């Protein structure tokens, strides 16, 4: 990475090939993926998304909250200091960004306004294109 004089370098997470392989396995439920990979923000984001789509708002919120914390853990492990770019264009970052998005969406569904604003800002600070990309592709 190069030094960015205007701010921190982007955080680029490592790929999770085992998680992606299990996600691609159509015989596995999202809960099976989480059980196999409990530290994966992507797995938790998918589980949250499934719950949200099934009308299980509180479960979606709970799953997204775990994904959010697993995402923060992964970012910090990669050198993130609580701010700075987490680009959507780097595919391994997408699980974290999807977990942030899922938590924002579920928080909005239960009326947790301050959390919606905070997570919206976190998503925008991470990558201003992330929310729209998630909405367009997922």
C-alpha atoms as a PDB file:
ATOM      1  CA  UNK A   1       0.000   0.000   0.000  1.00  0.00           C
ATOM      2  CA  UNK A   2       1.052   3.557  -0.528  1.00  0.00           C
ATOM      3  CA  UNK A   3       0.927   6.307   2.026  1.00  0.00           C
ATOM      4  CA  UNK A   4      -2.167   8.431   1.599  1.00  0.00           C
ATOM      5  CA  UNK A   5      -1.384  11.946   2.790  1.00  0.00           C
ATOM      6  CA  UNK A   6      -5.086  12.719   3.060  1.00  0.00           C
ATOM      7  CA  UNK A   7      -5.951   9.872   5.395  1.00  0.00           C
ATOM      8  CA  UNK A   8      -5.368   6.245   6.290  1.00  0.00           C
ATOM      9  CA  UNK A   9      -4.691   3.614   3.666  1.00  0.00           C
ATOM     10  CA  UNK A  10      -7.662   1.432   2.755  1.00  0.00           C
ATOM     11  CA  UNK A  11      -8.175  -1.666   4.855  1.00  0.00           C
ATOM     12  CA  UNK A  12      -8.110  -4.804   2.733  1.00  0.00           C
ATOM     13  CA  UNK A  13      -9.275  -7.999   4.376  1.00  0.00           C
ATOM     14  CA  UNK A  14      -8.017 -11.447   3.469  1.00  0.00           C
ATOM     15  CA  UNK A  15     -10.178 -13.689   1.323  1.00  0.00           C
ATOM     16  CA  UNK A  16     -12.325 -16.372   2.966  1.00  0.00           C
ATOM     17  CA  UNK A  17     -12.275 -19.149   0.331  1.00  0.00           C
ATOM     18  CA  UNK A  18     -13.756 -21.773   2.689  1.00  0.00           C
ATOM     19  CA  UNK A  19     -16.673 -19.500   3.546  1.00  0.00           C
ATOM     20  CA  UNK A  20     -17.290 -18.681  -0.102  1.00  0.00           C
ATOM     21  CA  UNK A  21     -17.203 -22.375  -1.004  1.00  0.00           C
ATOM     22  CA  UNK A  22     -19.763 -23.163   1.689  1.00  0.00           C
ATOM     23  CA  UNK A  23     -21.966 -20.229   0.608  1.00  0.00           C
ATOM     24  CA  UNK A  24     -21.864 -21.557  -2.957  1.00  0.00           C
ATOM     25  CA  UNK A  25     -22.895 -25.025  -1.767  1.00  0.00           C
ATOM     26  CA  UNK A  26     -26.637 -24.937  -2.404  1.00  0.00           C
ATOM     27  CA  UNK A  27     -27.176 -27.781   0.050  1.00  0.00           C
ATOM     28  CA  UNK A  28     -26.128 -25.661   3.007  1.00  0.00           C
ATOM     29  CA  UNK A  29     -28.401 -23.323   4.906  1.00  0.00           C
ATOM     30  CA  UNK A  30     -26.935 -19.990   6.061  1.00  0.00           C
ATOM     31  CA  UNK A  31     -27.026 -21.280   9.644  1.00  0.00           C
ATOM     32  CA  UNK A  32     -24.799 -24.196   8.559  1.00  0.00           C
ATOM     33  CA  UNK A  33     -22.323 -21.701   7.119  1.00  0.00           C
ATOM     34  CA  UNK A  34     -22.305 -19.734  10.391  1.00  0.00           C
ATOM     35  CA  UNK A  35     -21.770 -22.899  12.402  1.00  0.00           C
ATOM     36  CA  UNK A  36     -18.838 -23.841  10.171  1.00  0.00           C
ATOM     37  CA  UNK A  37     -17.413 -20.289  10.158  1.00  0.00           C
ATOM     38  CA  UNK A  38     -18.599 -18.411  13.265  1.00  0.00           C
ATOM     39  CA  UNK A  39     -16.032 -15.626  12.879  1.00  0.00           C
ATOM     40  CA  UNK A  40     -17.130 -14.769   9.330  1.00  0.00           C
ATOM     41  CA  UNK A  41     -19.014 -11.460   9.011  1.00  0.00           C
ATOM     42  CA  UNK A  42     -20.258 -12.617   5.596  1.00  0.00           C
ATOM     43  CA  UNK A  43     -21.855 -15.738   7.066  1.00  0.00           C
ATOM     44  CA  UNK A  44     -23.650 -13.683   9.735  1.00  0.00           C
ATOM     45  CA  UNK A  45     -24.735 -11.073   7.170  1.00  0.00           C
ATOM     46  CA  UNK A  46     -26.264 -13.808   5.016  1.00  0.00           C
ATOM     47  CA  UNK A  47     -28.062 -15.311   8.005  1.00  0.00           C
ATOM     48  CA  UNK A  48     -29.373 -11.852   8.919  1.00  0.00           C
ATOM     49  CA  UNK A  49     -30.521 -11.257   5.358  1.00  0.00           C
ATOM     50  CA  UNK A  50     -32.390 -14.562   5.271  1.00  0.00           C
ATOM     51  CA  UNK A  51     -34.133 -13.755   8.559  1.00  0.00           C
ATOM     52  CA  UNK A  52     -35.044 -10.262   7.350  1.00  0.00           C
ATOM     53  CA  UNK A  53     -36.479 -11.626   4.116  1.00  0.00           C
ATOM     54  CA  UNK A  54     -38.541 -14.107   6.152  1.00  0.00           C
ATOM     55  CA  UNK A  55     -40.030 -11.262   8.221  1.00  0.00           C
ATOM     56  CA  UNK A  56     -38.019 -12.168  11.333  1.00  0.00           C
ATOM     57  CA  UNK A  57     -36.856  -8.653  12.149  1.00  0.00           C
ATOM     58  CA  UNK A  58     -35.515  -9.257  15.658  1.00  0.00           C
ATOM     59  CA  UNK A  59     -33.604 -12.346  14.587  1.00  0.00           C
ATOM     60  CA  UNK A  60     -32.214 -10.383  11.659  1.00  0.00           C
ATOM     61  CA  UNK A  61     -31.086  -7.647  14.042  1.00  0.00           C
ATOM     62  CA  UNK A  62     -29.428 -10.143  16.382  1.00  0.00           C
ATOM     63  CA  UNK A  63     -27.615 -11.948  13.567  1.00  0.00           C
ATOM     64  CA  UNK A  64     -26.507  -8.634  12.045  1.00  0.00           C
ATOM     65  CA  UNK A  65     -25.250  -7.430  15.432  1.00  0.00           C
ATOM     66  CA  UNK A  66     -22.991 -10.489  15.664  1.00  0.00           C
ATOM     67  CA  UNK A  67     -21.827  -9.941  12.071  1.00  0.00           C
ATOM     68  CA  UNK A  68     -21.088  -6.303  12.860  1.00  0.00           C
ATOM     69  CA  UNK A  69     -18.885  -7.249  15.814  1.00  0.00           C
ATOM     70  CA  UNK A  70     -17.168 -10.032  13.848  1.00  0.00           C
ATOM     71  CA  UNK A  71     -16.574  -7.443  11.114  1.00  0.00           C
ATOM     72  CA  UNK A  72     -15.029  -4.972  13.531  1.00  0.00           C
ATOM     73  CA  UNK A  73     -12.798  -7.767  14.849  1.00  0.00           C
ATOM     74  CA  UNK A  74     -11.651  -8.629  11.318  1.00  0.00           C
ATOM     75  CA  UNK A  75     -11.009  -4.990  10.424  1.00  0.00           C
ATOM     76  CA  UNK A  76      -9.004  -4.346  13.589  1.00  0.00           C
ATOM     77  CA  UNK A  77      -6.974  -7.505  13.004  1.00  0.00           C
ATOM     78  CA  UNK A  78      -6.169  -6.131   9.530  1.00  0.00           C
ATOM     79  CA  UNK A  79      -4.898  -2.861  11.030  1.00  0.00           C
ATOM     80  CA  UNK A  80      -8.028  -0.684  10.877  1.00  0.00           C
ATOM     81  CA  UNK A  81      -8.032   1.969  13.612  1.00  0.00           C
ATOM     82  CA  UNK A  82     -11.761   2.678  13.708  1.00  0.00           C
ATOM     83  CA  UNK A  83     -11.845   4.877  10.627  1.00  0.00           C
ATOM     84  CA  UNK A  84     -10.715   4.970   7.055  1.00  0.00           C
ATOM     85  CA  UNK A  85     -11.697   3.369   3.784  1.00  0.00           C
ATOM     86  CA  UNK A  86     -12.918  -0.213   3.546  1.00  0.00           C
ATOM     87  CA  UNK A  87     -13.486  -0.427  -0.211  1.00  0.00           C
ATOM     88  CA  UNK A  88     -16.377  -2.445  -1.615  1.00  0.00           C
ATOM     89  CA  UNK A  89     -14.272  -3.016  -4.738  1.00  0.00           C
ATOM     90  CA  UNK A  90     -12.047  -5.355  -2.689  1.00  0.00           C
ATOM     91  CA  UNK A  91     -14.301  -8.450  -2.642  1.00  0.00           C
ATOM     92  CA  UNK A  92     -13.127  -9.810   0.757  1.00  0.00           C
ATOM     93  CA  UNK A  93     -14.361  -6.560   2.387  1.00  0.00           C
ATOM     94  CA  UNK A  94     -17.918  -7.168   1.228  1.00  0.00           C
ATOM     95  CA  UNK A  95     -18.892  -9.447   4.106  1.00  0.00           C
ATOM     96  CA  UNK A  96     -18.097  -6.741   6.651  1.00  0.00           C
ATOM     97  CA  UNK A  97     -19.879  -4.069   4.647  1.00  0.00           C
ATOM     98  CA  UNK A  98     -22.890  -6.342   4.195  1.00  0.00           C
ATOM     99  CA  UNK A  99     -22.977  -6.953   7.960  1.00  0.00           C
ATOM    100  CA  UNK A 100     -22.926  -3.186   8.578  1.00  0.00           C
ATOM    101  CA  UNK A 101     -25.714  -2.738   6.038  1.00  0.00           C
ATOM    102  CA  UNK A 102     -27.788  -5.580   7.517  1.00  0.00           C
ATOM    103  CA  UNK A 103     -27.548  -4.068  10.986  1.00  0.00           C
ATOM    104  CA  UNK A 104     -28.533  -0.637   9.701  1.00  0.00           C
ATOM    105  CA  UNK A 105     -31.536  -2.108   7.868  1.00  0.00           C
ATOM    106  CA  UNK A 106     -32.705  -4.130  10.884  1.00  0.00           C
ATOM    107  CA  UNK A 107     -32.149  -1.168  13.227  1.00  0.00           C
ATOM    108  CA  UNK A 108     -34.309   0.930  10.937  1.00  0.00           C
ATOM    109  CA  UNK A 109     -37.018  -1.747  10.985  1.00  0.00           C
ATOM    110  CA  UNK A 110     -37.195  -1.614  14.797  1.00  0.00           C
ATOM    111  CA  UNK A 111     -37.012   2.181  14.966  1.00  0.00           C
ATOM    112  CA  UNK A 112     -33.519   2.546  16.398  1.00  0.00           C
ATOM    113  CA  UNK A 113     -32.910   5.917  14.738  1.00  0.00           C
ATOM    114  CA  UNK A 114     -29.561   6.817  16.289  1.00  0.00           C
ATOM    115  CA  UNK A 115     -28.137   3.425  15.315  1.00  0.00           C
ATOM    116  CA  UNK A 116     -29.385   3.871  11.749  1.00  0.00           C
ATOM    117  CA  UNK A 117     -27.611   7.228  11.516  1.00  0.00           C
ATOM    118  CA  UNK A 118     -24.383   5.913  13.056  1.00  0.00           C
ATOM    119  CA  UNK A 119     -24.283   2.863  10.792  1.00  0.00           C
ATOM    120  CA  UNK A 120     -25.140   4.952   7.743  1.00  0.00           C
ATOM    121  CA  UNK A 121     -22.172   7.164   8.539  1.00  0.00           C
ATOM    122  CA  UNK A 122     -19.937   4.117   9.105  1.00  0.00           C
ATOM    123  CA  UNK A 123     -20.954   2.689   5.727  1.00  0.00           C
ATOM    124  CA  UNK A 124     -20.406   6.033   3.983  1.00  0.00           C
ATOM    125  CA  UNK A 125     -17.026   6.513   5.666  1.00  0.00           C
ATOM    126  CA  UNK A 126     -16.001   2.972   4.736  1.00  0.00           C
ATOM    127  CA  UNK A 127     -17.100   3.267   1.112  1.00  0.00           C
ATOM    128  CA  UNK A 128     -19.734   5.706  -0.145  1.00  0.00           C
ATOM    129  CA  UNK A 129     -20.722   3.217  -2.869  1.00  0.00           C
ATOM    130  CA  UNK A 130     -21.230   0.218  -0.555  1.00  0.00           C
ATOM    131  CA  UNK A 131     -24.902   0.653   0.406  1.00  0.00           C
ATOM    132  CA  UNK A 132     -26.022   1.243  -3.166  1.00  0.00           C
ATOM    133  CA  UNK A 133     -23.926  -1.690  -4.391  1.00  0.00           C
ATOM    134  CA  UNK A 134     -25.498  -3.960  -1.774  1.00  0.00           C
ATOM    135  CA  UNK A 135     -28.988  -2.814  -2.693  1.00  0.00           C
ATOM    136  CA  UNK A 136     -28.336  -3.326  -6.407  1.00  0.00           C
ATOM    137  CA  UNK A 137     -26.709  -6.759  -6.146  1.00  0.00           C
ATOM    138  CA  UNK A 138     -28.312  -8.381  -3.128  1.00  0.00           C
END
